[in-house]
Amino acid sequence: MRVRVLGTAAGGGVPQWNCACHGCAAARAHPSWRRLHASIAIEASPGRWYVVNATPDIAEQIEANPDLHPGPERRRTPVAGVVLTDAELDHTLGLPRLREARDLRVVATGTVRDALARGLRMDRVLAPYTSLTWSDLPEDEPVPLDGAGGVAIRAVRVSGKRPRYAADLDLPDGAWSVALHVTDRRSGASLVYAPALAGWPSGLGRALSAADCVIVDGTFWDDDEPRRSGFTDRTATAMGHLPISGPGGTAARLAALPAARRLYTHLNNTNPLVDPGHDGHRTLAGMGIEVASEGQVIDL
């Protein structure tokens, strides 16, 4: 199984268009600081890739990764579909950018599908352009992405946090935010991708303990970072993201996992890790943890 890292930033990217914080200002001056919205692509079978989350940057992410380029026929694309971990705008606004597709397969939980249909009217908006085919993303057992003997995927519920636009929708509580447990049935290797973590439920812990590679939420360095940055009066955990360091941080938990690769993604523009030279990178490296880089290829 091959995985490509397409983006590593939290909402707004780095730099964020209306932000002049240190991270955003530095990213405008130094291209190495720039980050697109968090996403990965998974090669489900040879030459067929599924993009995890359709971010606003999806077209740029495809162009930056040759494995995802179309050809040799004019409109043949290796992008076989999209898998959604939630219904947040940062992870779904890229769907309209794929409207030129003849048809588009979207794999999501029923909760996420209902939110997109009723809250954003995504089905109705895209119907004149392309045909959306929805596939269920179950929590109880893995389902194959492409063929029974290849890559299989299962949802692991991590949060009941709704997107703001769905706060008043008459929808039952459900799998609003999930991690993905991806398994290559040919080799037995597995990956857990969890770009947003409001907690560490037991189901997630079991999946992480069984994975060969984990890529998880690194939005904020510490719990007080959002308040210290001045853009909110809430802590990281109050915003639905476990911090990396400090009491209740995820770094110690990641370091204790048996996975051969442990990486952070979904960095906010205020996170000091957006600076490639920040000491936090060395601290994490000493714990066997990496910060995912865009364009990185992980073979499992």
Protein backbone atom coordinates (compact mmCIF):
# COMPACT_ATOMS: atom_id res chain seq x y z
CA MET A 1 0.00 0.00 0.00
CA ARG A 2 1.32 3.39 -0.97
CA VAL A 3 0.25 6.62 0.74
CA ARG A 4 1.01 10.14 -0.44
CA VAL A 5 0.80 13.15 1.88
CA LEU A 6 -1.02 15.89 -0.05
CA GLY A 7 -1.43 18.56 2.62
CA THR A 8 -0.67 19.07 6.31
CA ALA A 9 -2.40 22.29 7.45
CA ALA A 10 -5.49 22.92 9.52
CA GLY A 11 -8.35 25.15 8.35
CA GLY A 12 -7.25 28.15 6.32
CA GLY A 13 -3.88 26.66 5.38
CA VAL A 14 -0.53 28.33 5.98
CA PRO A 15 -0.59 31.20 5.26
CA GLN A 16 -4.25 31.93 5.92
CA TRP A 17 -5.50 34.63 3.59
CA ASN A 18 -6.62 37.08 6.32
CA CYS A 19 -3.99 36.36 8.96
CA ALA A 20 -0.74 38.18 9.73
CA CYS A 21 0.38 36.02 12.65
CA HIS A 22 4.04 35.04 12.83
CA GLY A 23 3.48 31.73 11.05
CA CYS A 24 1.48 33.23 8.20
CA ALA A 25 3.82 36.20 7.73
CA ALA A 26 6.82 33.87 7.66
CA ALA A 27 5.11 31.56 5.16
CA ARG A 28 4.60 34.50 2.80
CA ALA A 29 8.32 35.24 2.99
CA HIS A 30 9.59 31.64 3.05
CA PRO A 31 7.92 29.08 0.74
CA SER A 32 9.19 26.19 2.89
CA TRP A 33 6.74 27.25 5.61
CA ARG A 34 3.69 27.01 3.33
CA ARG A 35 1.19 24.19 3.91
CA LEU A 36 -1.97 23.11 2.09
CA HIS A 37 -5.02 21.72 3.87
CA ALA A 38 -4.48 18.30 5.43
CA SER A 39 -5.08 15.37 3.11
CA ILE A 40 -3.56 12.09 1.97
CA ALA A 41 -4.05 9.85 -1.06
CA ILE A 42 -4.16 6.05 -0.80
CA GLU A 43 -3.34 3.76 -3.72
CA ALA A 44 -6.12 1.19 -3.39
CA SER A 45 -4.95 -0.85 -6.38
CA PRO A 46 -2.25 -0.21 -9.00
CA GLY A 47 -2.89 3.19 -10.56
CA ARG A 48 -6.12 3.86 -8.63
CA TRP A 49 -5.98 6.41 -5.85
CA TYR A 50 -8.50 7.59 -3.27
CA VAL A 51 -8.07 11.10 -1.88
CA VAL A 52 -8.90 11.40 1.81
CA ASN A 53 -10.94 14.57 2.29
CA ALA A 54 -11.71 16.96 -0.55
CA THR A 55 -10.03 20.14 0.66
CA PRO A 56 -10.25 23.56 -1.02
CA ASP A 57 -6.72 22.83 -2.31
CA ILE A 58 -7.55 19.53 -4.00
CA ALA A 59 -6.72 20.65 -7.54
CA GLU A 60 -3.34 22.04 -6.44
CA GLN A 61 -2.66 18.84 -4.48
CA ILE A 62 -3.35 16.71 -7.55
CA GLU A 63 -1.10 18.86 -9.72
CA ALA A 64 1.73 18.65 -7.16
CA ASN A 65 1.70 14.82 -7.18
CA PRO A 66 2.47 13.16 -10.54
CA ASP A 67 0.88 9.85 -9.49
CA LEU A 68 -2.47 11.67 -9.54
CA HIS A 69 -2.05 13.31 -12.95
CA PRO A 70 -4.48 12.34 -15.75
CA GLY A 71 -3.53 10.35 -18.83
CA PRO A 72 -2.67 8.81 -21.16
CA GLU A 73 -6.19 9.41 -22.49
CA ARG A 74 -7.30 13.03 -22.28
CA ARG A 75 -9.85 12.59 -19.49
CA ARG A 76 -8.62 9.43 -17.80
CA THR A 77 -7.71 10.06 -14.16
CA PRO A 78 -6.14 7.81 -11.53
CA VAL A 79 -8.31 9.52 -8.87
CA ALA A 80 -10.94 6.85 -8.25
CA GLY A 81 -12.83 8.65 -5.50
CA VAL A 82 -12.84 10.57 -2.24
CA VAL A 83 -13.07 9.30 1.34
CA LEU A 84 -14.39 11.77 3.93
CA THR A 85 -13.51 11.72 7.63
CA ASP A 86 -16.13 14.37 8.50
CA ALA A 87 -18.42 17.00 7.00
CA GLU A 88 -16.34 20.07 7.88
CA LEU A 89 -15.99 22.73 5.18
CA ASP A 90 -12.20 22.33 5.13
CA HIS A 91 -12.66 18.67 4.15
CA THR A 92 -15.56 18.95 1.69
CA LEU A 93 -15.35 22.22 -0.27
CA GLY A 94 -13.09 20.50 -2.77
CA LEU A 95 -15.96 18.33 -4.04
CA PRO A 96 -17.26 21.07 -6.38
CA ARG A 97 -13.72 21.42 -7.78
CA LEU A 98 -14.04 17.82 -9.01
CA ARG A 99 -17.28 18.51 -10.89
CA GLU A 100 -15.65 17.87 -14.30
CA ALA A 101 -15.48 14.15 -13.47
CA ARG A 102 -17.84 11.89 -15.43
CA ASP A 103 -18.82 10.41 -12.08
CA LEU A 104 -17.45 10.72 -8.59
CA ARG A 105 -17.44 8.10 -5.86
CA VAL A 106 -17.61 9.51 -2.33
CA VAL A 107 -17.10 7.21 0.65
CA ALA A 108 -18.52 8.58 3.91
CA THR A 109 -20.56 7.71 6.97
CA GLY A 110 -24.31 8.16 6.70
CA THR A 111 -24.13 11.08 9.11
CA VAL A 112 -21.64 12.94 6.93
CA ARG A 113 -23.63 12.23 3.77
CA ASP A 114 -26.84 13.54 5.35
CA ALA A 115 -25.10 16.71 6.53
CA LEU A 116 -23.69 17.42 3.07
CA ALA A 117 -27.02 16.74 1.38
CA ARG A 118 -29.21 18.71 3.78
CA GLY A 119 -26.80 21.33 5.06
CA LEU A 120 -24.77 22.14 1.95
CA ARG A 121 -27.13 20.61 -0.67
CA MET A 122 -24.06 19.07 -2.26
CA ASP A 123 -26.04 16.43 -4.18
CA ARG A 124 -28.30 19.07 -5.70
CA VAL A 125 -25.51 21.51 -6.51
CA LEU A 126 -23.34 18.92 -8.28
CA ALA A 127 -26.11 17.00 -10.07
CA PRO A 128 -26.00 19.17 -13.23
CA TYR A 129 -22.24 18.61 -13.51
CA THR A 130 -21.43 15.06 -12.45
CA SER A 131 -22.96 11.95 -10.95
CA LEU A 132 -22.19 11.41 -7.28
CA THR A 133 -22.06 7.79 -6.16
CA TRP A 134 -22.16 7.42 -2.40
CA SER A 135 -20.58 4.44 -0.65
CA ASP A 136 -21.06 3.76 3.04
CA LEU A 137 -18.08 3.96 5.39
CA PRO A 138 -18.95 1.46 8.13
CA GLU A 139 -17.71 1.29 11.70
CA ASP A 140 -18.32 -2.41 12.29
CA GLU A 141 -16.12 -4.01 9.63
CA PRO A 142 -13.67 -3.00 6.89
CA VAL A 143 -14.91 -2.72 3.33
CA PRO A 144 -12.72 -2.94 0.21
CA LEU A 145 -12.02 0.20 -1.76
CA ASP A 146 -11.11 -1.62 -4.97
CA GLY A 147 -11.57 -5.38 -5.16
CA ALA A 148 -11.87 -7.88 -2.33
CA GLY A 149 -8.17 -8.70 -2.12
CA GLY A 150 -6.74 -5.19 -1.90
CA VAL A 151 -7.05 -2.23 0.43
CA ALA A 152 -9.93 -2.18 2.93
CA ILE A 153 -11.10 0.72 5.06
CA ARG A 154 -13.08 1.12 8.27
CA ALA A 155 -14.32 4.13 10.22
CA VAL A 156 -13.33 4.62 13.86
CA ARG A 157 -15.58 7.15 15.58
CA VAL A 158 -13.59 9.86 17.37
CA SER A 159 -16.01 12.75 17.90
CA GLY A 160 -19.64 13.80 17.78
CA LYS A 161 -18.69 17.39 16.97
CA ARG A 162 -20.91 18.83 14.23
CA PRO A 163 -19.80 21.43 11.69
CA ARG A 164 -21.17 24.87 12.52
CA TYR A 165 -23.50 24.84 9.51
CA ALA A 166 -25.04 21.58 10.76
CA ALA A 167 -25.60 22.70 14.36
CA ASP A 168 -29.35 23.17 13.86
CA LEU A 169 -29.97 20.39 11.36
CA ASP A 170 -32.53 17.83 12.50
CA LEU A 171 -30.11 14.93 12.28
CA PRO A 172 -29.44 12.26 14.91
CA ASP A 173 -26.13 12.09 16.69
CA GLY A 174 -23.78 9.78 14.83
CA ALA A 175 -20.34 9.37 13.33
CA TRP A 176 -19.71 13.05 12.66
CA SER A 177 -15.94 12.71 12.82
CA VAL A 178 -14.01 9.49 12.29
CA ALA A 179 -10.49 8.22 11.91
CA LEU A 180 -9.73 5.81 9.09
CA HIS A 181 -8.25 2.38 9.74
CA VAL A 182 -6.85 1.30 6.37
CA THR A 183 -5.54 -2.24 5.83
CA ASP A 184 -3.71 -3.79 2.89
CA ARG A 185 -5.11 -7.31 2.82
CA ARG A 186 -2.24 -8.49 0.63
CA SER A 187 0.53 -7.60 3.07
CA GLY A 188 -1.40 -7.16 6.31
CA ALA A 189 0.06 -3.66 6.79
CA SER A 190 -2.25 -0.98 8.15
CA LEU A 191 -2.51 2.78 8.57
CA VAL A 192 -4.62 4.95 10.87
CA TYR A 193 -5.37 8.48 9.66
CA ALA A 194 -6.97 10.76 12.26
CA PRO A 195 -6.70 14.45 11.29
CA ALA A 196 -9.04 15.66 14.06
CA LEU A 197 -9.04 14.29 17.62
CA ALA A 198 -11.28 15.68 20.34
CA GLY A 199 -10.53 12.67 22.54
CA TRP A 200 -8.83 9.29 22.64
CA PRO A 201 -11.67 6.74 22.74
CA SER A 202 -10.95 3.08 23.36
CA GLY A 203 -11.80 2.10 19.78
CA LEU A 204 -9.21 4.53 18.45
CA GLY A 205 -6.64 3.27 20.93
CA ARG A 206 -7.11 -0.29 19.70
CA ALA A 207 -6.79 0.77 16.06
CA LEU A 208 -3.65 2.81 16.74
CA SER A 209 -2.07 -0.04 18.67
CA ALA A 210 -2.59 -2.37 15.71
CA ALA A 211 -1.29 -0.02 13.00
CA ASP A 212 2.10 0.06 11.30
CA CYS A 213 1.78 3.80 10.59
CA VAL A 214 -0.30 6.48 12.32
CA ILE A 215 -0.94 10.01 11.10
CA VAL A 216 -2.83 12.08 13.67
CA ASP A 217 -4.08 15.50 14.66
CA GLY A 218 -1.30 17.97 15.47
CA THR A 219 -3.39 21.15 15.21
CA PHE A 220 -2.02 22.85 18.32
CA TRP A 221 1.30 22.47 20.15
CA ASP A 222 -0.23 23.04 23.61
CA ASP A 223 -3.68 23.53 25.06
CA ASP A 224 -3.42 27.29 25.64
CA GLU A 225 -2.05 28.08 22.17
CA PRO A 226 -5.36 29.33 20.67
CA ARG A 227 -5.97 31.73 23.58
CA ARG A 228 -2.35 32.85 23.69
CA SER A 229 -2.52 33.61 19.95
CA GLY A 230 -5.43 35.97 20.55
CA PHE A 231 -7.93 34.66 18.00
CA THR A 232 -10.23 32.93 20.47
CA ASP A 233 -10.91 32.57 24.18
CA ARG A 234 -11.12 28.77 23.93
CA THR A 235 -8.42 26.20 24.58
CA ALA A 236 -7.33 23.59 22.04
CA THR A 237 -9.38 20.86 23.71
CA ALA A 238 -12.43 23.14 23.85
CA MET A 239 -12.05 23.59 20.09
CA GLY A 240 -12.07 19.81 19.58
CA HIS A 241 -8.34 19.14 19.20
CA LEU A 242 -6.07 17.34 21.64
CA PRO A 243 -2.77 19.27 21.90
CA ILE A 244 0.61 17.71 21.20
CA SER A 245 2.47 18.65 24.38
CA GLY A 246 1.69 19.31 28.02
CA PRO A 247 -0.77 17.55 30.34
CA GLY A 248 -3.16 15.45 28.28
CA GLY A 249 -1.00 15.90 25.18
CA THR A 250 -0.77 13.20 22.54
CA ALA A 251 3.02 13.06 22.06
CA ALA A 252 3.62 10.66 24.96
CA ARG A 253 0.80 8.42 23.74
CA LEU A 254 2.18 8.36 20.21
CA ALA A 255 5.68 7.58 21.46
CA ALA A 256 4.32 4.53 23.30
CA LEU A 257 2.68 3.04 20.20
CA PRO A 258 4.34 0.07 18.46
CA ALA A 259 3.88 1.66 15.00
CA ALA A 260 7.04 1.97 12.91
CA ARG A 261 5.96 5.44 11.70
CA ARG A 262 4.22 8.07 13.82
CA LEU A 263 3.42 11.44 12.25
CA TYR A 264 1.53 14.65 13.00
CA THR A 265 -0.59 16.52 10.46
CA HIS A 266 -3.31 19.23 10.41
CA LEU A 267 -1.06 21.98 11.85
CA ASN A 268 -2.70 25.32 12.63
CA ASN A 269 -0.99 28.49 11.42
CA THR A 270 -0.23 29.38 15.07
CA ASN A 271 1.52 26.08 15.75
CA PRO A 272 5.28 26.67 16.17
CA LEU A 273 5.91 23.45 14.21
CA VAL A 274 5.08 25.31 10.98
CA ASP A 275 8.63 26.66 11.41
CA PRO A 276 10.89 23.91 9.98
CA GLY A 277 13.65 24.98 12.38
CA HIS A 278 11.61 25.01 15.59
CA ASP A 279 13.01 22.99 18.51
CA GLY A 280 9.72 21.07 18.69
CA HIS A 281 10.77 19.07 15.65
CA ARG A 282 13.89 17.85 17.47
CA THR A 283 11.90 17.13 20.62
CA LEU A 284 9.45 14.97 18.66
CA ALA A 285 12.22 13.29 16.68
CA GLY A 286 13.77 12.23 19.97
CA MET A 287 10.47 10.50 20.74
CA GLY A 288 10.37 8.76 17.35
CA ILE A 289 7.67 11.11 15.99
CA GLU A 290 7.70 13.07 12.73
CA VAL A 291 5.78 16.01 11.33
CA ALA A 292 4.34 14.96 7.99
CA SER A 293 5.70 16.81 4.96
CA GLU A 294 3.80 17.47 1.76
CA GLY A 295 4.77 15.21 -1.10
CA GLN A 296 6.01 12.56 1.31
CA VAL A 297 5.46 8.96 0.18
CA ILE A 298 4.89 6.19 2.72
CA ASP A 299 5.12 2.61 1.52
CA LEU A 300 3.53 -0.02 3.74
